[in-house]
C-alpha atoms as a PDB file:
ATOM      1  CA  MET A   1     -22.470 -34.735 -21.272  1.00  0.00           C
ATOM      2  CA  SER A   2     -19.147 -33.914 -19.668  1.00  0.00           C
ATOM      3  CA  ASP A   3     -17.517 -33.574 -23.109  1.00  0.00           C
ATOM      4  CA  ILE A   4     -20.200 -31.089 -24.189  1.00  0.00           C
ATOM      5  CA  LEU A   5     -19.721 -29.063 -20.993  1.00  0.00           C
ATOM      6  CA  THR A   6     -15.951 -29.078 -21.419  1.00  0.00           C
ATOM      7  CA  GLN A   7     -16.210 -27.923 -25.019  1.00  0.00           C
ATOM      8  CA  THR A   8     -18.642 -25.177 -24.025  1.00  0.00           C
ATOM      9  CA  VAL A   9     -16.294 -23.909 -21.303  1.00  0.00           C
ATOM     10  CA  PHE A  10     -13.375 -24.092 -23.720  1.00  0.00           C
ATOM     11  CA  TRP A  11     -15.113 -22.040 -26.401  1.00  0.00           C
ATOM     12  CA  LEU A  12     -16.258 -19.490 -23.829  1.00  0.00           C
ATOM     13  CA  ALA A  13     -12.701 -19.147 -22.524  1.00  0.00           C
ATOM     14  CA  LEU A  14     -11.372 -18.855 -26.061  1.00  0.00           C
ATOM     15  CA  GLY A  15     -13.938 -16.167 -26.865  1.00  0.00           C
ATOM     16  CA  GLY A  16     -12.993 -14.233 -23.731  1.00  0.00           C
ATOM     17  CA  LEU A  17      -9.323 -14.520 -24.671  1.00  0.00           C
ATOM     18  CA  LEU A  18      -9.984 -13.209 -28.167  1.00  0.00           C
ATOM     19  CA  LEU A  19     -11.987 -10.278 -26.790  1.00  0.00           C
ATOM     20  CA  SER A  20      -9.177  -9.466 -24.355  1.00  0.00           C
ATOM     21  CA  MET A  21      -6.602  -9.563 -27.137  1.00  0.00           C
ATOM     22  CA  MET A  22      -8.794  -7.312 -29.260  1.00  0.00           C
ATOM     23  CA  GLY A  23      -9.074  -4.866 -26.358  1.00  0.00           C
ATOM     24  CA  ILE A  24      -5.291  -4.817 -25.899  1.00  0.00           C
ATOM     25  CA  ALA A  25      -4.813  -4.312 -29.619  1.00  0.00           C
ATOM     26  CA  ALA A  26      -7.282  -1.405 -29.587  1.00  0.00           C
ATOM     27  CA  LEU A  27      -5.446   0.091 -26.604  1.00  0.00           C
ATOM     28  CA  PHE A  28      -2.106  -0.099 -28.386  1.00  0.00           C
ATOM     29  CA  GLN A  29      -3.642   1.329 -31.559  1.00  0.00           C
ATOM     30  CA  SER A  30      -5.105   4.298 -29.679  1.00  0.00           C
ATOM     31  CA  GLU A  31      -1.766   4.902 -27.977  1.00  0.00           C
ATOM     32  CA  ARG A  32       0.029   4.725 -31.310  1.00  0.00           C
ATOM     33  CA  GLU A  33      -2.434   7.183 -32.822  1.00  0.00           C
ATOM     34  CA  ARG A  34      -1.966   9.545 -29.889  1.00  0.00           C
ATOM     35  CA  VAL A  35       1.818   9.435 -30.230  1.00  0.00           C
ATOM     36  CA  ARG A  36       1.535  10.082 -33.979  1.00  0.00           C
ATOM     37  CA  LEU A  37      -0.719  13.096 -33.423  1.00  0.00           C
ATOM     38  CA  SER A  38       1.569  14.476 -30.720  1.00  0.00           C
ATOM     39  CA  LYS A  39       4.552  14.214 -33.057  1.00  0.00           C
ATOM     40  CA  ARG A  40       2.643  16.009 -35.804  1.00  0.00           C
ATOM     41  CA  LEU A  41       1.744  18.733 -33.322  1.00  0.00           C
ATOM     42  CA  GLU A  42       5.400  19.079 -32.282  1.00  0.00           C
ATOM     43  CA  ARG A  43       6.472  19.403 -35.897  1.00  0.00           C
ATOM     44  CA  ALA A  44       3.737  21.965 -36.531  1.00  0.00           C
ATOM     45  CA  THR A  45       4.719  24.093 -33.517  1.00  0.00           C
ATOM     46  CA  GLY A  46       8.448  23.774 -34.125  1.00  0.00           C
ATOM     47  CA  THR A  47       9.271  21.906 -30.924  1.00  0.00           C
ATOM     48  CA  GLY A  48      10.152  18.594 -32.524  1.00  0.00           C
ATOM     49  CA  SER A  49      13.793  19.441 -33.233  1.00  0.00           C
ATOM     50  CA  PHE A  50      14.292  20.541 -29.628  1.00  0.00           C
ATOM     51  CA  SER A  51      12.958  17.235 -28.338  1.00  0.00           C
ATOM     52  CA  ARG A  52      15.308  15.337 -30.677  1.00  0.00           C
ATOM     53  CA  THR A  53      18.327  17.341 -29.553  1.00  0.00           C
ATOM     54  CA  THR A  54      17.538  16.804 -25.906  1.00  0.00           C
ATOM     55  CA  SER A  55      16.927  13.080 -26.262  1.00  0.00           C
ATOM     56  CA  ALA A  56      20.178  12.400 -28.160  1.00  0.00           C
ATOM     57  CA  PRO A  57      22.502  13.032 -25.188  1.00  0.00           C
ATOM     58  CA  GLN A  58      20.374  10.731 -23.104  1.00  0.00           C
ATOM     59  CA  ARG A  59      20.881   7.910 -25.615  1.00  0.00           C
ATOM     60  CA  GLN A  60      24.621   8.586 -25.698  1.00  0.00           C
ATOM     61  CA  GLY A  61      24.896   8.915 -21.917  1.00  0.00           C
ATOM     62  CA  GLY A  62      23.552   5.457 -21.115  1.00  0.00           C
ATOM     63  CA  SER A  63      21.521   3.104 -23.236  1.00  0.00           C
ATOM     64  CA  LEU A  64      20.249   1.141 -20.223  1.00  0.00           C
ATOM     65  CA  ALA A  65      18.928   4.237 -18.452  1.00  0.00           C
ATOM     66  CA  TYR A  66      17.347   5.444 -21.685  1.00  0.00           C
ATOM     67  CA  HIS A  67      15.552   2.147 -22.300  1.00  0.00           C
ATOM     68  CA  LEU A  68      14.420   1.953 -18.676  1.00  0.00           C
ATOM     69  CA  GLY A  69      12.994   5.460 -18.910  1.00  0.00           C
ATOM     70  CA  LYS A  70      11.270   4.590 -22.166  1.00  0.00           C
ATOM     71  CA  LEU A  71       9.796   1.451 -20.591  1.00  0.00           C
ATOM     72  CA  ARG A  72       8.584   3.505 -17.642  1.00  0.00           C
ATOM     73  CA  ARG A  73       6.860   5.956 -19.981  1.00  0.00           C
ATOM     74  CA  VAL A  74       5.166   3.124 -21.869  1.00  0.00           C
ATOM     75  CA  VAL A  75       3.968   1.565 -18.609  1.00  0.00           C
ATOM     76  CA  ALA A  76       2.713   4.950 -17.386  1.00  0.00           C
ATOM     77  CA  ARG A  77       0.798   5.565 -20.615  1.00  0.00           C
ATOM     78  CA  MET A  78      -0.826   2.150 -20.516  1.00  0.00           C
ATOM     79  CA  GLY A  79      -1.622   2.651 -16.845  1.00  0.00           C
ATOM     80  CA  GLU A  80      -3.178   5.996 -17.661  1.00  0.00           C
ATOM     81  CA  SER A  81      -5.456   4.332 -20.164  1.00  0.00           C
ATOM     82  CA  VAL A  82      -6.362   1.631 -17.650  1.00  0.00           C
ATOM     83  CA  SER A  83      -6.851   4.070 -14.751  1.00  0.00           C
ATOM     84  CA  VAL A  84      -9.616   5.758 -16.732  1.00  0.00           C
ATOM     85  CA  VAL A  85     -11.459   2.442 -16.752  1.00  0.00           C
ATOM     86  CA  LEU A  86     -11.106   2.112 -12.959  1.00  0.00           C
ATOM     87  CA  GLY A  87     -13.351   5.137 -12.429  1.00  0.00           C
ATOM     88  CA  GLY A  88     -14.088   6.016  -8.815  1.00  0.00           C
ATOM     89  CA  GLU A  89     -11.647   3.415  -7.484  1.00  0.00           C
ATOM     90  CA  ALA A  90      -8.755   5.529  -8.753  1.00  0.00           C
ATOM     91  CA  SER A  91      -9.173   8.140  -5.990  1.00  0.00           C
ATOM     92  CA  ASP A  92      -9.216   5.458  -3.271  1.00  0.00           C
ATOM     93  CA  ALA A  93      -6.177   3.777  -4.790  1.00  0.00           C
ATOM     94  CA  ALA A  94      -4.365   7.131  -4.962  1.00  0.00           C
ATOM     95  CA  ALA A  95      -5.109   7.743  -1.261  1.00  0.00           C
ATOM     96  CA  ASP A  96      -3.806   4.285  -0.333  1.00  0.00           C
ATOM     97  CA  LEU A  97      -0.662   4.807  -2.388  1.00  0.00           C
ATOM     98  CA  SER A  98      -0.099   8.189  -0.763  1.00  0.00           C
ATOM     99  CA  SER A  99      -0.466   6.623   2.690  1.00  0.00           C
ATOM    100  CA  ALA A 100       2.023   3.934   1.672  1.00  0.00           C
ATOM    101  CA  GLY A 101       4.562   6.577   0.645  1.00  0.00           C
ATOM    102  CA  TYR A 102       4.188   6.324  -3.145  1.00  0.00           C
ATOM    103  CA  ARG A 103       3.514   9.886  -4.247  1.00  0.00           C
ATOM    104  CA  GLY A 104       5.231   9.985  -7.589  1.00  0.00           C
ATOM    105  CA  ARG A 105       3.548  11.444 -10.606  1.00  0.00           C
ATOM    106  CA  ASP A 106       3.140   8.001 -12.171  1.00  0.00           C
ATOM    107  CA  ALA A 107       2.398   6.006  -8.999  1.00  0.00           C
ATOM    108  CA  LEU A 108      -1.292   5.509  -9.760  1.00  0.00           C
ATOM    109  CA  LEU A 109      -0.584   4.725 -13.415  1.00  0.00           C
ATOM    110  CA  ILE A 110       1.995   2.051 -12.571  1.00  0.00           C
ATOM    111  CA  TYR A 111      -0.387   0.625  -9.957  1.00  0.00           C
ATOM    112  CA  ALA A 112      -3.177   0.372 -12.533  1.00  0.00           C
ATOM    113  CA  PHE A 113      -0.799  -1.268 -15.006  1.00  0.00           C
ATOM    114  CA  LEU A 114       0.415  -3.864 -12.494  1.00  0.00           C
ATOM    115  CA  LYS A 115      -3.105  -4.619 -11.261  1.00  0.00           C
ATOM    116  CA  THR A 116      -4.835  -5.054 -14.621  1.00  0.00           C
ATOM    117  CA  VAL A 117      -2.484  -5.430 -17.569  1.00  0.00           C
ATOM    118  CA  VAL A 118       0.020  -7.834 -15.990  1.00  0.00           C
ATOM    119  CA  PRO A 119      -2.653 -10.374 -14.882  1.00  0.00           C
ATOM    120  CA  LEU A 120      -4.274 -10.129 -18.312  1.00  0.00           C
ATOM    121  CA  VAL A 121      -0.952 -10.857 -20.003  1.00  0.00           C
ATOM    122  CA  ALA A 122      -0.459 -13.783 -17.615  1.00  0.00           C
ATOM    123  CA  VAL A 123      -3.885 -15.160 -18.563  1.00  0.00           C
ATOM    124  CA  VAL A 124      -3.152 -14.834 -22.282  1.00  0.00           C
ATOM    125  CA  ALA A 125       0.261 -16.495 -21.963  1.00  0.00           C
ATOM    126  CA  GLY A 126      -1.170 -19.236 -19.741  1.00  0.00           C
ATOM    127  CA  VAL A 127      -4.027 -20.019 -22.101  1.00  0.00           C
ATOM    128  CA  ILE A 128      -1.632 -20.208 -25.027  1.00  0.00           C
ATOM    129  CA  TRP A 129       0.616 -22.543 -23.030  1.00  0.00           C
ATOM    130  CA  VAL A 130      -2.340 -24.764 -22.097  1.00  0.00           C
ATOM    131  CA  LEU A 131      -3.521 -24.935 -25.709  1.00  0.00           C
ATOM    132  CA  MET A 132      -0.027 -25.865 -26.909  1.00  0.00           C
ATOM    133  CA  THR A 133       0.767 -28.466 -24.260  1.00  0.00           C
ATOM    134  CA  LYS A 134      -2.556 -30.069 -23.333  1.00  0.00           C
ATOM    135  CA  PRO A 135      -5.083 -31.892 -25.554  1.00  0.00           C
ATOM    136  CA  LEU A 136      -8.644 -30.674 -25.759  1.00  0.00           C
ATOM    137  CA  GLY A 137     -10.705 -32.207 -23.020  1.00  0.00           C
ATOM    138  CA  ILE A 138     -10.885 -32.651 -19.291  1.00  0.00           C
ATOM    139  CA  ALA A 139      -7.082 -32.480 -19.000  1.00  0.00           C
ATOM    140  CA  MET A 140      -7.247 -28.717 -19.582  1.00  0.00           C
ATOM    141  CA  VAL A 141      -9.303 -28.015 -16.458  1.00  0.00           C
ATOM    142  CA  MET A 142      -6.544 -28.142 -13.831  1.00  0.00           C
ATOM    143  CA  PRO A 143      -3.942 -26.177 -15.849  1.00  0.00           C
ATOM    144  CA  GLY A 144      -6.627 -23.599 -16.698  1.00  0.00           C
ATOM    145  CA  ALA A 145      -7.513 -23.268 -13.023  1.00  0.00           C
ATOM    146  CA  GLY A 146      -3.813 -22.817 -12.247  1.00  0.00           C
ATOM    147  CA  VAL A 147      -3.554 -20.020 -14.830  1.00  0.00           C
ATOM    148  CA  ILE A 148      -6.565 -18.234 -13.323  1.00  0.00           C
ATOM    149  CA  ALA A 149      -5.101 -18.649  -9.827  1.00  0.00           C
ATOM    150  CA  VAL A 150      -1.790 -17.129 -10.947  1.00  0.00           C
ATOM    151  CA  ALA A 151      -3.577 -14.171 -12.547  1.00  0.00           C
ATOM    152  CA  LEU A 152      -5.645 -13.543  -9.411  1.00  0.00           C
ATOM    153  CA  THR A 153      -2.510 -13.817  -7.276  1.00  0.00           C
ATOM    154  CA  LEU A 154      -0.738 -11.243  -9.415  1.00  0.00           C
ATOM    155  CA  SER A 155      -3.707  -8.873  -9.207  1.00  0.00           C
ATOM    156  CA  LYS A 156      -4.262  -9.246  -5.462  1.00  0.00           C
ATOM    157  CA  GLY A 157      -0.537  -9.342  -4.737  1.00  0.00           C
ATOM    158  CA  VAL A 158      -0.241  -5.683  -5.696  1.00  0.00           C
ATOM    159  CA  ASP A 159      -2.939  -4.735  -3.176  1.00  0.00           C
ATOM    160  CA  PHE A 160      -1.343  -6.912  -0.510  1.00  0.00           C
ATOM    161  CA  PHE A 161       2.059  -5.312  -1.060  1.00  0.00           C
ATOM    162  CA  VAL A 162       0.616  -1.783  -0.903  1.00  0.00           C
ATOM    163  CA  ASP A 163      -1.381  -2.622   2.239  1.00  0.00           C
ATOM    164  CA  GLN A 164       1.708  -4.021   3.957  1.00  0.00           C
ATOM    165  CA  ARG A 165       3.798  -0.980   3.095  1.00  0.00           C
ATOM    166  CA  ARG A 166       0.948   1.269   4.254  1.00  0.00           C
ATOM    167  CA  LYS A 167       0.616  -0.507   7.604  1.00  0.00           C
ATOM    168  CA  GLU A 168       4.366  -0.444   8.205  1.00  0.00           C
ATOM    169  CA  ARG A 169       4.652   3.239   7.366  1.00  0.00           C
ATOM    170  CA  LEU A 170       1.658   4.250   9.488  1.00  0.00           C
ATOM    171  CA  GLY A 171       3.036   2.156  12.352  1.00  0.00           C
ATOM    172  CA  ARG A 172       6.357   4.009  12.219  1.00  0.00           C
ATOM    173  CA  ILE A 173       4.535   7.350  12.174  1.00  0.00           C
ATOM    174  CA  ARG A 174       2.380   6.311  15.145  1.00  0.00           C
ATOM    175  CA  ARG A 175       5.445   5.325  17.184  1.00  0.00           C
ATOM    176  CA  SER A 176       7.142   8.653  16.462  1.00  0.00           C
ATOM    177  CA  PHE A 177       4.083  10.806  17.118  1.00  0.00           C
ATOM    178  CA  PRO A 178       4.642  11.173  20.922  1.00  0.00           C
ATOM    179  CA  ASP A 179       8.153  12.484  20.247  1.00  0.00           C
ATOM    180  CA  LEU A 180       6.622  15.078  17.936  1.00  0.00           C
ATOM    181  CA  LEU A 181       4.265  16.276  20.662  1.00  0.00           C
ATOM    182  CA  GLU A 182       7.035  16.436  23.286  1.00  0.00           C
ATOM    183  CA  LEU A 183       9.243  18.516  21.016  1.00  0.00           C
ATOM    184  CA  LEU A 184       6.328  20.766  20.081  1.00  0.00           C
ATOM    185  CA  VAL A 185       5.618  21.463  23.751  1.00  0.00           C
ATOM    186  CA  ILE A 186       9.270  22.325  24.349  1.00  0.00           C
ATOM    187  CA  SER A 187       9.475  24.531  21.253  1.00  0.00           C
ATOM    188  CA  SER A 188       6.199  26.333  21.955  1.00  0.00           C
ATOM    189  CA  GLU A 189       7.135  27.019  25.572  1.00  0.00           C
ATOM    190  CA  ALA A 190      10.463  28.354  24.339  1.00  0.00           C
ATOM    191  CA  GLY A 191       8.565  31.079  22.439  1.00  0.00           C
ATOM    192  CA  LEU A 192       8.193  29.726  18.910  1.00  0.00           C
ATOM    193  CA  GLY A 193       4.917  30.116  17.032  1.00  0.00           C
ATOM    194  CA  PRO A 194       2.980  27.228  15.477  1.00  0.00           C
ATOM    195  CA  GLN A 195       4.595  27.234  12.036  1.00  0.00           C
ATOM    196  CA  PRO A 196       8.203  27.857  13.221  1.00  0.00           C
ATOM    197  CA  ALA A 197       7.767  25.223  15.918  1.00  0.00           C
ATOM    198  CA  LEU A 198       6.419  22.656  13.440  1.00  0.00           C
ATOM    199  CA  HIS A 199       9.234  23.403  11.002  1.00  0.00           C
ATOM    200  CA  ARG A 200      11.921  23.139  13.675  1.00  0.00           C
ATOM    201  CA  VAL A 201      10.519  19.922  15.130  1.00  0.00           C
ATOM    202  CA  ALA A 202      10.223  18.356  11.660  1.00  0.00           C
ATOM    203  CA  ALA A 203      13.880  19.197  11.027  1.00  0.00           C
ATOM    204  CA  GLU A 204      14.830  17.551  14.325  1.00  0.00           C
ATOM    205  CA  LEU A 205      12.792  14.416  13.547  1.00  0.00           C
ATOM    206  CA  ALA A 206      14.219  13.993  10.036  1.00  0.00           C
ATOM    207  CA  THR A 207      16.843  11.519  11.270  1.00  0.00           C
ATOM    208  CA  ASN A 208      14.759   9.296  13.552  1.00  0.00           C
ATOM    209  CA  SER A 209      11.395   9.510  11.774  1.00  0.00           C
ATOM    210  CA  PRO A 210      11.761  10.690   8.161  1.00  0.00           C
ATOM    211  CA  GLU A 211       8.159   9.769   7.264  1.00  0.00           C
ATOM    212  CA  LEU A 212       6.592  11.943   9.962  1.00  0.00           C
ATOM    213  CA  ALA A 213       9.080  14.752   9.321  1.00  0.00           C
ATOM    214  CA  GLN A 214       8.220  14.708   5.613  1.00  0.00           C
ATOM    215  CA  GLU A 215       4.501  14.912   6.343  1.00  0.00           C
ATOM    216  CA  ILE A 216       4.908  17.832   8.756  1.00  0.00           C
ATOM    217  CA  LEU A 217       7.210  19.709   6.376  1.00  0.00           C
ATOM    218  CA  GLN A 218       4.733  19.247   3.537  1.00  0.00           C
ATOM    219  CA  MET A 219       1.923  20.552   5.751  1.00  0.00           C
ATOM    220  CA  VAL A 220       3.988  23.602   6.747  1.00  0.00           C
ATOM    221  CA  SER A 221       4.873  24.255   3.087  1.00  0.00           C
ATOM    222  CA  GLU A 222       1.209  24.098   2.088  1.00  0.00           C
ATOM    223  CA  MET A 223       0.307  26.497   4.899  1.00  0.00           C
ATOM    224  CA  GLN A 224       2.952  28.972   3.758  1.00  0.00           C
ATOM    225  CA  MET A 225       2.104  28.778   0.059  1.00  0.00           C
ATOM    226  CA  THR A 226      -1.689  28.773   0.186  1.00  0.00           C
ATOM    227  CA  ASN A 227      -2.310  30.526   3.516  1.00  0.00           C
ATOM    228  CA  ASP A 228      -5.159  28.052   4.058  1.00  0.00           C
ATOM    229  CA  ARG A 229      -4.375  26.193   7.241  1.00  0.00           C
ATOM    230  CA  ARG A 230      -7.559  24.151   7.377  1.00  0.00           C
ATOM    231  CA  ALA A 231      -6.958  22.722   3.895  1.00  0.00           C
ATOM    232  CA  ALA A 232      -3.405  21.806   4.895  1.00  0.00           C
ATOM    233  CA  TYR A 233      -4.715  20.057   8.010  1.00  0.00           C
ATOM    234  CA  GLU A 234      -7.285  18.127   5.988  1.00  0.00           C
ATOM    235  CA  LYS A 235      -4.673  17.013   3.452  1.00  0.00           C
ATOM    236  CA  LEU A 236      -2.436  15.785   6.266  1.00  0.00           C
ATOM    237  CA  GLY A 237      -5.347  13.768   7.644  1.00  0.00           C
ATOM    238  CA  VAL A 238      -5.909  12.213   4.211  1.00  0.00           C
ATOM    239  CA  ARG A 239      -2.241  11.352   3.728  1.00  0.00           C
ATOM    240  CA  VAL A 240      -1.885   9.914   7.240  1.00  0.00           C
ATOM    241  CA  PRO A 241      -5.249   8.362   8.238  1.00  0.00           C
ATOM    242  CA  LEU A 242      -4.467   7.850  11.929  1.00  0.00           C
ATOM    243  CA  PRO A 243      -6.691   8.816  14.876  1.00  0.00           C
ATOM    244  CA  GLU A 244      -3.738  10.567  16.522  1.00  0.00           C
ATOM    245  CA  ILE A 245      -3.147  12.743  13.482  1.00  0.00           C
ATOM    246  CA  GLY A 246      -6.863  13.532  13.264  1.00  0.00           C
ATOM    247  CA  VAL A 247      -6.919  14.740  16.876  1.00  0.00           C
ATOM    248  CA  PHE A 248      -3.715  16.680  16.275  1.00  0.00           C
ATOM    249  CA  THR A 249      -5.095  18.536  13.252  1.00  0.00           C
ATOM    250  CA  GLN A 250      -8.376  19.256  15.071  1.00  0.00           C
ATOM    251  CA  THR A 251      -6.412  20.724  17.973  1.00  0.00           C
ATOM    252  CA  LEU A 252      -4.423  22.939  15.621  1.00  0.00           C
ATOM    253  CA  ASP A 253      -7.598  24.050  13.874  1.00  0.00           C
ATOM    254  CA  GLN A 254      -9.340  24.897  17.149  1.00  0.00           C
ATOM    255  CA  SER A 255      -6.267  26.774  18.329  1.00  0.00           C
ATOM    256  CA  ASP A 256      -6.386  28.892  15.156  1.00  0.00           C
ATOM    257  CA  ILE A 257     -10.137  29.520  15.395  1.00  0.00           C
ATOM    258  CA  TYR A 258     -10.526  30.280  19.108  1.00  0.00           C
ATOM    259  CA  GLY A 259      -7.113  31.766  19.734  1.00  0.00           C
ATOM    260  CA  THR A 260      -6.018  29.154  22.270  1.00  0.00           C
ATOM    261  CA  PRO A 261      -2.308  29.403  23.104  1.00  0.00           C
ATOM    262  CA  PHE A 262      -0.359  26.905  21.066  1.00  0.00           C
ATOM    263  CA  SER A 263       1.716  25.647  24.004  1.00  0.00           C
ATOM    264  CA  ARG A 264      -1.388  25.051  26.140  1.00  0.00           C
ATOM    265  CA  ALA A 265      -3.137  23.191  23.312  1.00  0.00           C
ATOM    266  CA  MET A 266      -0.098  20.959  22.743  1.00  0.00           C
ATOM    267  CA  ARG A 267       0.232  20.232  26.467  1.00  0.00           C
ATOM    268  CA  THR A 268      -3.453  19.299  26.674  1.00  0.00           C
ATOM    269  CA  LEU A 269      -3.064  17.070  23.630  1.00  0.00           C
ATOM    270  CA  ILE A 270       0.004  15.317  24.986  1.00  0.00           C
ATOM    271  CA  ASP A 271      -1.805  14.649  28.277  1.00  0.00           C
ATOM    272  CA  GLU A 272      -4.642  13.030  26.333  1.00  0.00           C
ATOM    273  CA  GLN A 273      -2.193  10.987  24.272  1.00  0.00           C
ATOM    274  CA  ARG A 274      -0.451   9.760  27.404  1.00  0.00           C
ATOM    275  CA  ALA A 275      -3.798   8.704  28.861  1.00  0.00           C
ATOM    276  CA  ASN A 276      -4.668   6.913  25.616  1.00  0.00           C
ATOM    277  CA  ARG A 277      -1.327   5.111  25.550  1.00  0.00           C
ATOM    278  CA  LEU A 278      -1.765   4.035  29.186  1.00  0.00           C
ATOM    279  CA  MET A 279      -5.250   2.760  28.337  1.00  0.00           C
ATOM    280  CA  ALA A 280      -3.882   0.825  25.356  1.00  0.00           C
ATOM    281  CA  VAL A 281      -1.226  -0.781  27.572  1.00  0.00           C
ATOM    282  CA  GLU A 282      -3.889  -1.738  30.129  1.00  0.00           C
ATOM    283  CA  GLU A 283      -6.000  -3.307  27.374  1.00  0.00           C
ATOM    284  CA  LYS A 284      -3.035  -5.376  26.217  1.00  0.00           C
ATOM    285  CA  ALA A 285      -2.361  -6.453  29.790  1.00  0.00           C
ATOM    286  CA  ALA A 286      -6.014  -7.451  30.207  1.00  0.00           C
ATOM    287  CA  ARG A 287      -5.775  -9.690  27.121  1.00  0.00           C
ATOM    288  CA  LEU A 288      -2.751 -11.591  28.423  1.00  0.00           C
ATOM    289  CA  PRO A 289      -4.726 -14.229  30.412  1.00  0.00           C
ATOM    290  CA  VAL A 290      -6.738 -15.090  27.306  1.00  0.00           C
ATOM    291  CA  LEU A 291      -3.608 -15.253  25.152  1.00  0.00           C
ATOM    292  CA  MET A 292      -1.844 -17.480  27.691  1.00  0.00           C
ATOM    293  CA  THR A 293      -4.665 -20.013  27.769  1.00  0.00           C
ATOM    294  CA  LEU A 294      -3.620 -21.925  24.655  1.00  0.00           C
ATOM    295  CA  PRO A 295       0.092 -22.184  25.602  1.00  0.00           C
ATOM    296  CA  LEU A 296      -0.978 -23.279  29.077  1.00  0.00           C
ATOM    297  CA  ILE A 297      -3.220 -26.017  27.697  1.00  0.00           C
ATOM    298  CA  PHE A 298      -0.944 -27.373  24.970  1.00  0.00           C
ATOM    299  CA  CYS A 299       2.511 -26.836  26.524  1.00  0.00           C
ATOM    300  CA  ILE A 300       2.299 -26.850  30.312  1.00  0.00           C
ATOM    301  CA  MET A 301      -0.711 -29.066  31.110  1.00  0.00           C
ATOM    302  CA  PRO A 302       0.649 -32.182  29.304  1.00  0.00           C
ATOM    303  CA  ALA A 303       3.823 -32.047  31.397  1.00  0.00           C
ATOM    304  CA  VAL A 304       1.802 -31.581  34.606  1.00  0.00           C
ATOM    305  CA  PHE A 305      -0.476 -34.437  33.564  1.00  0.00           C
ATOM    306  CA  VAL A 306       2.506 -36.740  32.999  1.00  0.00           C
ATOM    307  CA  VAL A 307       4.050 -35.836  36.377  1.00  0.00           C
ATOM    308  CA  LEU A 308       0.809 -36.350  38.295  1.00  0.00           C
ATOM    309  CA  VAL A 309      -0.691 -39.329  36.494  1.00  0.00           C
ATOM    310  CA  GLY A 310       2.524 -41.031  35.366  1.00  0.00           C
ATOM    311  CA  PRO A 311       3.446 -42.757  38.658  1.00  0.00           C
ATOM    312  CA  ALA A 312      -0.097 -44.070  39.177  1.00  0.00           C
ATOM    313  CA  ALA A 313      -0.194 -45.376  35.587  1.00  0.00           C
ATOM    314  CA  LEU A 314       3.163 -47.104  36.026  1.00  0.00           C
ATOM    315  CA  SER A 315       2.044 -48.754  39.273  1.00  0.00           C
ATOM    316  CA  VAL A 316      -1.130 -50.018  37.616  1.00  0.00           C
ATOM    317  CA  ILE A 317       0.898 -51.461  34.724  1.00  0.00           C
ATOM    318  CA  ASP A 318       3.282 -53.189  37.167  1.00  0.00           C
ATOM    319  CA  ASN A 319       0.398 -54.732  39.073  1.00  0.00           C
ATOM    320  CA  ILE A 320      -1.135 -56.044  35.866  1.00  0.00           C
ATOM    321  CA  LEU A 321       2.163 -57.514  34.635  1.00  0.00           C
ATOM    322  CA  ASN A 322       2.957 -59.119  38.022  1.00  0.00           C
ATOM    323  CA  GLY A 323      -0.501 -60.614  38.308  1.00  0.00           C
ATOM    324  CA  GLY A 324      -1.333 -58.688  41.441  1.00  0.00           C
END
């Protein structure tokens, strides 16, 4: 019975492997067809010679850089094909990558490639290795489970890495946010308007907090180019999903709508942020007794127990040994 079950699982895994290989082959064939059609279009429009003349100096300038760029383009194209399959998850992944600081044109495509294609290649290579090194039977179960575990680790490792970078970046922005408010209060009380004050403060924060300075400069640039302040505020809230930034953008929006003086709005906001920080410190202080319970039990109480009970235990042992 176990042999029949093992053979059934083996043939199912082999069928899944063949279907995956057929899907990869179809993906490469579609990409090859697209490249062929694009080249025909370039030749028809007369732009093919220009592309050849511009790519030749790149090959002569450095073969390593040229091959790396070509590999990047191949990965981006495959990621583009895979990102279409992801569907609605692509927008969430793009928001997470933007929060983590990856805003390149091919960031989402490379993410999709690393999350889907690399684990699939690992599964294919692992199954081939198992088939070549292990006999058919129960001996293939543990190596097959190891291959699946490696593929899942590769897929989830990308998400873990992005989440860690996102948390670290948002933590640095949160620590620098009070400095932003202090400088905005000083600049606004010195007579600067909202946009000049934001631009000046972002320039001052570029050394100590480049992430926050970049976000503020991008928001100011969007406000100047589109003249739509609310959209710029909303985009900043999407790029930096922090409660402090949400309150900050709401304060700016209300100041624009109701005509509240910018300096007064920033001073009110900084007072609220100081109260929130004091409350957070008080919450941490209130958790200290609970956090100190385990060290007290496992580190301090054994020593106290030995000091208090040790002499009595030694006297009892002496009485027993001496026959008293």
